[in-house]
Amino acid sequence: MKKGLGKGLEALFAIYDNETQNETYGKEIVTKTFSAPTNDIDINLKAQGSSTEISIDKIYPNPNQPRKIFDKESLHELATSIKTHGLIQPIIVNKTDDGYMIIAGERRYRACKIAGLKTISCIIKRYTPRQIAEISIIENLQREDLNPVEMAKGIKKLMDEYDITQEEVADRIGKSRSGIANVVRILNLYPEVLELVEKGKVSFGHAKCLVAVTDYINQVLLAKKVAQNKLTVRDLEVEIQSMYGDKKQNKKPLSMSAELRDFVSSMQKRLGTKVSIIGNDKKGRIYIDYYSQDDLDRLYQIIFR
């Protein structure tokens, strides 16, 4: 049965709570073992999913949480609200030997720390590592908290660690297989371009177009144009068409020595822009492209500082 993102998180947690205790994950069988509850509070939590207050010092973030970027301003706004009204929604934690690891609610946890709370209202669960990974992605997807790069890395990690297919991931987190494929494909972008996507200067729609541009120089060049000139996806498609036309992207460059090619590549990476050479190892001209006054100032600082 499809577990769609239209379900609330409570329904999703119920799905995991009702799964069998012995589960096959890829090639590894993980057996869930539960120790007997040590007091009445534990029994109540296990039976009803009630919340309890836990010392904030015993709670720690999931190191594999796909979301890495938290807006400082919104965190402080939430912290102010928590100081005034308290924490309205408990966070979800997993009991571990080291304390309580956050499954859902790291943003609220961070805000509680800023607000100076000593304890946090928590619902304690016991899930397998794969279930925790899935829930972390689903929670962030529902709240649209992940940027495209975080989403792609989270899904790729889920696939690699548990040896599952795109179709299986799609079924678990409620997306189409083609949607999962498009998300993961953007990880083929060069690091400079991925950074622009992470910062929100290049959208997911732009990123999907840029994946088709396999040449390093042109991919970075086009991404910078999108960021600086706020090109629409359609504008970018026109740029790519005009850049390549009917030419093959993989067309071999004009003949030059390996040393000169390495020199051009090193300059491009150092300057972060397109560099071209007309000539040979003995004589020629070097062209360095820039696209705005700020870009020119940036190049000046790199070359003459």
Protein backbone atom coordinates (compact mmCIF):
# COMPACT_ATOMS: atom_id res chain seq x y z
CA MET A 1 0.00 0.00 0.00
CA LYS A 2 1.33 3.42 -0.94
CA LYS A 3 2.36 5.59 1.99
CA GLY A 4 1.65 8.99 0.54
CA LEU A 5 2.85 12.32 1.81
CA GLY A 6 -0.74 13.38 2.24
CA LYS A 7 -0.83 11.37 5.46
CA GLY A 8 -0.12 13.20 8.69
CA LEU A 9 2.98 12.28 10.66
CA GLU A 10 0.87 10.50 13.29
CA ALA A 11 -0.43 8.12 10.61
CA LEU A 12 3.10 7.56 9.34
CA PHE A 13 4.36 6.74 12.84
CA ALA A 14 1.48 4.29 13.22
CA ILE A 15 2.62 2.51 10.04
CA TYR A 16 6.09 2.00 11.51
CA ASP A 17 4.72 1.02 14.93
CA ASN A 18 2.64 -1.75 13.31
CA GLU A 19 5.41 -3.20 11.15
CA THR A 20 6.74 -6.64 12.03
CA GLN A 21 9.55 -6.84 14.56
CA ASN A 22 11.73 -8.90 12.21
CA GLU A 23 12.46 -6.99 9.01
CA THR A 24 14.79 -7.65 6.09
CA TYR A 25 16.74 -4.56 5.07
CA GLY A 26 18.65 -5.23 1.87
CA LYS A 27 20.94 -8.15 2.61
CA GLU A 28 20.86 -7.67 6.38
CA ILE A 29 18.15 -8.91 8.75
CA VAL A 30 17.56 -6.50 11.62
CA THR A 31 15.75 -7.90 14.64
CA LYS A 32 14.03 -5.41 16.94
CA THR A 33 14.41 -6.41 20.59
CA PHE A 34 12.56 -4.56 23.31
CA SER A 35 13.54 -4.64 26.95
CA ALA A 36 10.72 -4.81 29.46
CA PRO A 37 9.49 -1.42 30.71
CA THR A 38 11.13 -0.40 33.97
CA ASN A 39 8.28 1.69 35.36
CA ASP A 40 4.67 2.74 34.88
CA ILE A 41 5.66 5.72 32.73
CA ASP A 42 7.36 3.44 30.20
CA ILE A 43 4.28 1.18 30.09
CA ASN A 44 2.05 4.18 29.45
CA LEU A 45 4.32 5.46 26.69
CA LYS A 46 4.46 2.07 24.99
CA ALA A 47 0.70 1.60 25.15
CA GLN A 48 -0.55 5.08 24.32
CA GLY A 49 2.35 7.06 22.90
CA SER A 50 2.05 9.63 25.67
CA SER A 51 4.60 12.40 26.14
CA THR A 52 6.97 12.84 29.06
CA GLU A 53 9.45 15.50 30.13
CA ILE A 54 13.09 14.59 29.46
CA SER A 55 16.17 16.57 30.46
CA ILE A 56 17.44 18.50 27.44
CA ASP A 57 20.98 17.34 28.28
CA LYS A 58 19.96 13.72 27.59
CA ILE A 59 18.62 14.52 24.10
CA TYR A 60 20.83 14.74 21.03
CA PRO A 61 20.25 15.27 17.26
CA ASN A 62 20.31 12.44 14.75
CA PRO A 63 23.78 12.66 13.12
CA ASN A 64 22.22 11.33 9.90
CA GLN A 65 19.43 13.92 9.82
CA PRO A 66 19.13 14.97 6.16
CA ARG A 67 18.40 18.58 7.06
CA LYS A 68 21.66 20.46 7.70
CA ILE A 69 20.63 24.12 7.34
CA PHE A 70 18.49 25.85 9.98
CA ASP A 71 17.56 29.51 9.55
CA LYS A 72 18.84 31.40 12.61
CA GLU A 73 16.21 34.12 12.49
CA SER A 74 13.28 31.69 12.37
CA LEU A 75 14.87 29.64 15.18
CA HIS A 76 14.99 32.71 17.42
CA GLU A 77 11.39 33.56 16.53
CA LEU A 78 10.34 30.04 17.53
CA ALA A 79 12.39 30.29 20.73
CA THR A 80 10.54 33.50 21.65
CA SER A 81 7.21 31.79 21.03
CA ILE A 82 8.25 28.82 23.19
CA LYS A 83 9.25 31.15 26.02
CA THR A 84 5.80 32.76 25.87
CA HIS A 85 3.52 29.82 25.14
CA GLY A 86 5.65 26.76 25.89
CA LEU A 87 6.35 23.86 23.50
CA ILE A 88 2.97 23.01 21.98
CA GLN A 89 4.00 19.86 20.05
CA PRO A 90 6.32 17.25 21.65
CA ILE A 91 9.35 16.06 19.75
CA ILE A 92 9.79 12.37 18.83
CA VAL A 93 12.86 10.60 20.22
CA ASN A 94 14.37 7.12 20.05
CA LYS A 95 15.74 5.56 23.27
CA THR A 96 19.43 4.68 22.88
CA ASP A 97 22.29 3.65 25.15
CA ASP A 98 23.53 7.26 25.05
CA GLY A 99 20.22 8.92 25.86
CA TYR A 100 17.47 9.96 23.47
CA MET A 101 18.12 10.59 19.77
CA ILE A 102 15.76 12.93 17.93
CA ILE A 103 13.66 11.32 15.20
CA ALA A 104 11.42 14.31 14.47
CA GLY A 105 11.56 17.85 15.83
CA GLU A 106 15.21 18.94 15.75
CA ARG A 107 14.19 22.52 14.92
CA ARG A 108 11.97 22.63 18.04
CA TYR A 109 14.81 21.10 20.07
CA ARG A 110 17.23 23.79 18.90
CA ALA A 111 14.71 26.52 19.68
CA CYS A 112 14.14 25.05 23.18
CA LYS A 113 17.88 25.24 23.83
CA ILE A 114 17.91 28.88 22.75
CA ALA A 115 14.90 29.54 25.00
CA GLY A 116 16.81 28.08 27.94
CA LEU A 117 14.47 25.15 28.68
CA LYS A 118 15.82 22.48 31.01
CA THR A 119 13.42 19.75 29.91
CA ILE A 120 11.51 19.01 26.69
CA SER A 121 8.20 17.23 26.19
CA CYS A 122 8.98 14.05 24.21
CA ILE A 123 7.26 10.98 22.81
CA ILE A 124 9.57 7.97 23.08
CA LYS A 125 9.69 5.45 20.23
CA ARG A 126 11.83 2.45 19.34
CA TYR A 127 12.55 2.19 15.63
CA THR A 128 15.19 0.53 13.46
CA PRO A 129 17.88 2.68 11.81
CA ARG A 130 16.15 2.39 8.43
CA GLN A 131 12.79 3.46 9.84
CA ILE A 132 14.46 6.46 11.49
CA ALA A 133 16.09 7.42 8.18
CA GLU A 134 12.76 7.16 6.34
CA ILE A 135 10.85 9.12 8.98
CA SER A 136 13.48 11.89 8.97
CA ILE A 137 13.11 12.34 5.22
CA ILE A 138 9.30 12.09 5.27
CA GLU A 139 8.93 14.61 8.10
CA ASN A 140 11.10 17.16 6.34
CA LEU A 141 9.40 16.56 2.99
CA GLN A 142 5.97 17.13 4.52
CA ARG A 143 7.10 20.39 6.06
CA GLU A 144 9.12 21.34 2.95
CA ASP A 145 12.14 21.88 5.20
CA LEU A 146 14.73 20.27 2.92
CA ASN A 147 16.48 22.06 0.09
CA PRO A 148 16.85 19.92 -3.08
CA VAL A 149 20.45 18.93 -2.29
CA GLU A 150 19.60 17.79 1.25
CA MET A 151 16.68 15.82 -0.13
CA ALA A 152 18.83 14.17 -2.80
CA LYS A 153 21.60 13.26 -0.34
CA GLY A 154 19.08 11.86 2.16
CA ILE A 155 17.41 9.66 -0.44
CA LYS A 156 20.74 8.51 -1.91
CA LYS A 157 21.99 7.60 1.57
CA LEU A 158 18.82 5.61 2.20
CA MET A 159 19.32 3.69 -1.06
CA ASP A 160 23.03 3.02 -0.55
CA GLU A 161 22.95 2.01 3.11
CA TYR A 162 19.98 -0.35 2.82
CA ASP A 163 20.53 -1.61 -0.74
CA ILE A 164 17.06 -0.61 -1.95
CA THR A 165 15.88 0.59 -5.34
CA GLN A 166 14.44 3.94 -6.41
CA GLU A 167 11.04 2.28 -6.75
CA GLU A 168 11.17 0.98 -3.18
CA VAL A 169 12.17 4.40 -1.87
CA ALA A 170 9.38 6.01 -3.90
CA ASP A 171 6.83 3.65 -2.36
CA ARG A 172 8.08 4.27 1.17
CA ILE A 173 8.14 8.06 1.06
CA GLY A 174 5.18 8.62 -1.25
CA LYS A 175 6.81 9.95 -4.41
CA SER A 176 6.87 8.63 -7.98
CA ARG A 177 9.89 6.66 -9.13
CA SER A 178 10.64 9.25 -11.81
CA GLY A 179 10.42 11.95 -9.14
CA ILE A 180 12.99 10.13 -7.02
CA ALA A 181 15.24 9.66 -10.07
CA ASN A 182 15.10 13.39 -10.88
CA VAL A 183 15.95 14.32 -7.31
CA VAL A 184 18.95 11.99 -7.07
CA ARG A 185 20.26 13.02 -10.52
CA ILE A 186 21.07 16.53 -9.35
CA LEU A 187 23.92 15.09 -7.27
CA ASN A 188 25.75 14.75 -10.62
CA LEU A 189 26.08 18.54 -10.72
CA TYR A 190 29.50 20.06 -10.01
CA PRO A 191 30.13 21.20 -6.39
CA GLU A 192 29.98 24.91 -7.26
CA VAL A 193 26.54 24.45 -8.80
CA LEU A 194 25.27 22.28 -5.93
CA GLU A 195 26.30 25.05 -3.54
CA LEU A 196 24.12 27.54 -5.45
CA VAL A 197 21.20 25.09 -5.27
CA GLU A 198 21.70 24.66 -1.52
CA LYS A 199 21.66 28.43 -1.03
CA GLY A 200 18.42 28.74 -3.02
CA LYS A 201 20.02 30.79 -5.80
CA VAL A 202 19.38 28.03 -8.33
CA SER A 203 16.03 26.21 -8.12
CA PHE A 204 15.36 22.49 -8.46
CA GLY A 205 13.82 23.18 -11.89
CA HIS A 206 17.02 24.90 -13.01
CA ALA A 207 19.12 22.10 -11.51
CA LYS A 208 17.27 19.46 -13.56
CA CYS A 209 18.12 21.39 -16.74
CA LEU A 210 21.75 21.88 -15.75
CA VAL A 211 22.31 18.14 -15.21
CA ALA A 212 22.13 17.75 -18.99
CA VAL A 213 25.08 20.16 -19.37
CA THR A 214 27.99 17.81 -18.71
CA ASP A 215 30.75 20.30 -19.49
CA TYR A 216 32.18 21.80 -16.28
CA ILE A 217 32.77 25.32 -17.58
CA ASN A 218 29.39 25.75 -19.22
CA GLN A 219 27.48 24.20 -16.33
CA VAL A 220 29.06 26.58 -13.82
CA LEU A 221 28.70 29.50 -16.23
CA LEU A 222 24.99 28.86 -16.75
CA ALA A 223 24.34 28.35 -13.03
CA LYS A 224 25.97 31.70 -12.27
CA LYS A 225 23.86 33.36 -14.95
CA VAL A 226 20.73 31.93 -13.34
CA ALA A 227 21.79 33.18 -9.91
CA GLN A 228 22.94 36.63 -11.01
CA ASN A 229 20.31 37.43 -13.62
CA LYS A 230 17.41 35.52 -12.00
CA LEU A 231 16.72 33.57 -15.18
CA THR A 232 13.53 31.52 -15.36
CA VAL A 233 13.72 27.82 -16.21
CA ARG A 234 12.52 28.66 -19.70
CA ASP A 235 15.25 31.32 -20.03
CA LEU A 236 17.81 28.70 -19.03
CA GLU A 237 16.51 26.24 -21.62
CA VAL A 238 16.90 28.91 -24.30
CA GLU A 239 20.46 29.63 -23.10
CA ILE A 240 21.36 25.95 -23.29
CA GLN A 241 19.85 25.64 -26.76
CA SER A 242 21.69 28.69 -28.04
CA MET A 243 24.94 27.49 -26.47
CA TYR A 244 24.86 24.04 -28.03
CA GLY A 245 22.36 24.12 -30.87
CA ASP A 246 22.79 20.86 -32.73
CA LYS A 247 26.34 20.40 -31.51
CA LYS A 248 27.20 17.48 -29.28
CA GLN A 249 28.11 18.47 -25.73
CA ASN A 250 30.77 15.82 -25.73
CA LYS A 251 32.45 17.25 -28.82
CA LYS A 252 36.23 17.06 -28.42
CA PRO A 253 38.03 20.37 -27.88
CA LEU A 254 40.35 21.72 -30.50
CA SER A 255 43.75 20.05 -30.43
CA MET A 256 46.13 21.41 -27.80
CA SER A 257 48.78 19.85 -25.59
CA ALA A 258 47.83 18.05 -22.40
CA GLU A 259 49.83 20.62 -20.40
CA LEU A 260 47.88 23.52 -21.92
CA ARG A 261 44.56 21.79 -21.29
CA ASP A 262 45.54 21.25 -17.65
CA PHE A 263 46.54 24.90 -17.43
CA VAL A 264 43.15 26.06 -18.73
CA SER A 265 41.31 23.68 -16.38
CA SER A 266 43.31 24.91 -13.39
CA MET A 267 42.62 28.55 -14.26
CA GLN A 268 38.89 27.91 -14.62
CA LYS A 269 38.69 26.23 -11.23
CA ARG A 270 40.82 28.92 -9.60
CA LEU A 271 38.90 31.84 -11.11
CA GLY A 272 35.47 30.22 -11.12
CA THR A 273 34.68 31.36 -14.65
CA LYS A 274 35.19 30.43 -18.28
CA VAL A 275 38.78 30.68 -19.53
CA SER A 276 39.72 30.08 -23.15
CA ILE A 277 42.99 30.08 -25.05
CA ILE A 278 43.75 30.74 -28.69
CA GLY A 279 47.21 29.58 -29.66
CA ASN A 280 49.68 26.93 -28.61
CA ASP A 281 52.33 26.29 -25.96
CA LYS A 282 54.61 28.97 -27.40
CA LYS A 283 52.28 31.82 -28.31
CA GLY A 284 48.64 32.81 -28.00
CA ARG A 285 45.97 34.73 -26.09
CA ILE A 286 44.04 34.01 -22.89
CA TYR A 287 40.41 35.13 -22.53
CA ILE A 288 38.77 35.37 -19.10
CA ASP A 289 34.98 35.87 -19.06
CA TYR A 290 33.09 38.00 -16.50
CA TYR A 291 29.36 38.74 -16.32
CA SER A 292 28.87 41.73 -14.05
CA GLN A 293 30.72 44.50 -12.22
CA ASP A 294 30.74 42.35 -9.09
CA ASP A 295 32.16 39.44 -11.06
CA LEU A 296 34.90 41.68 -12.43
CA ASP A 297 35.73 42.95 -8.93
CA ARG A 298 35.87 39.37 -7.71
CA LEU A 299 38.34 38.40 -10.45
CA TYR A 300 40.44 41.48 -9.67
CA GLN A 301 40.70 40.43 -6.03
CA ILE A 302 41.72 36.90 -6.97
CA ILE A 303 44.35 37.97 -9.48
CA PHE A 304 45.89 40.99 -7.74
CA ARG A 305 45.39 40.44 -4.01
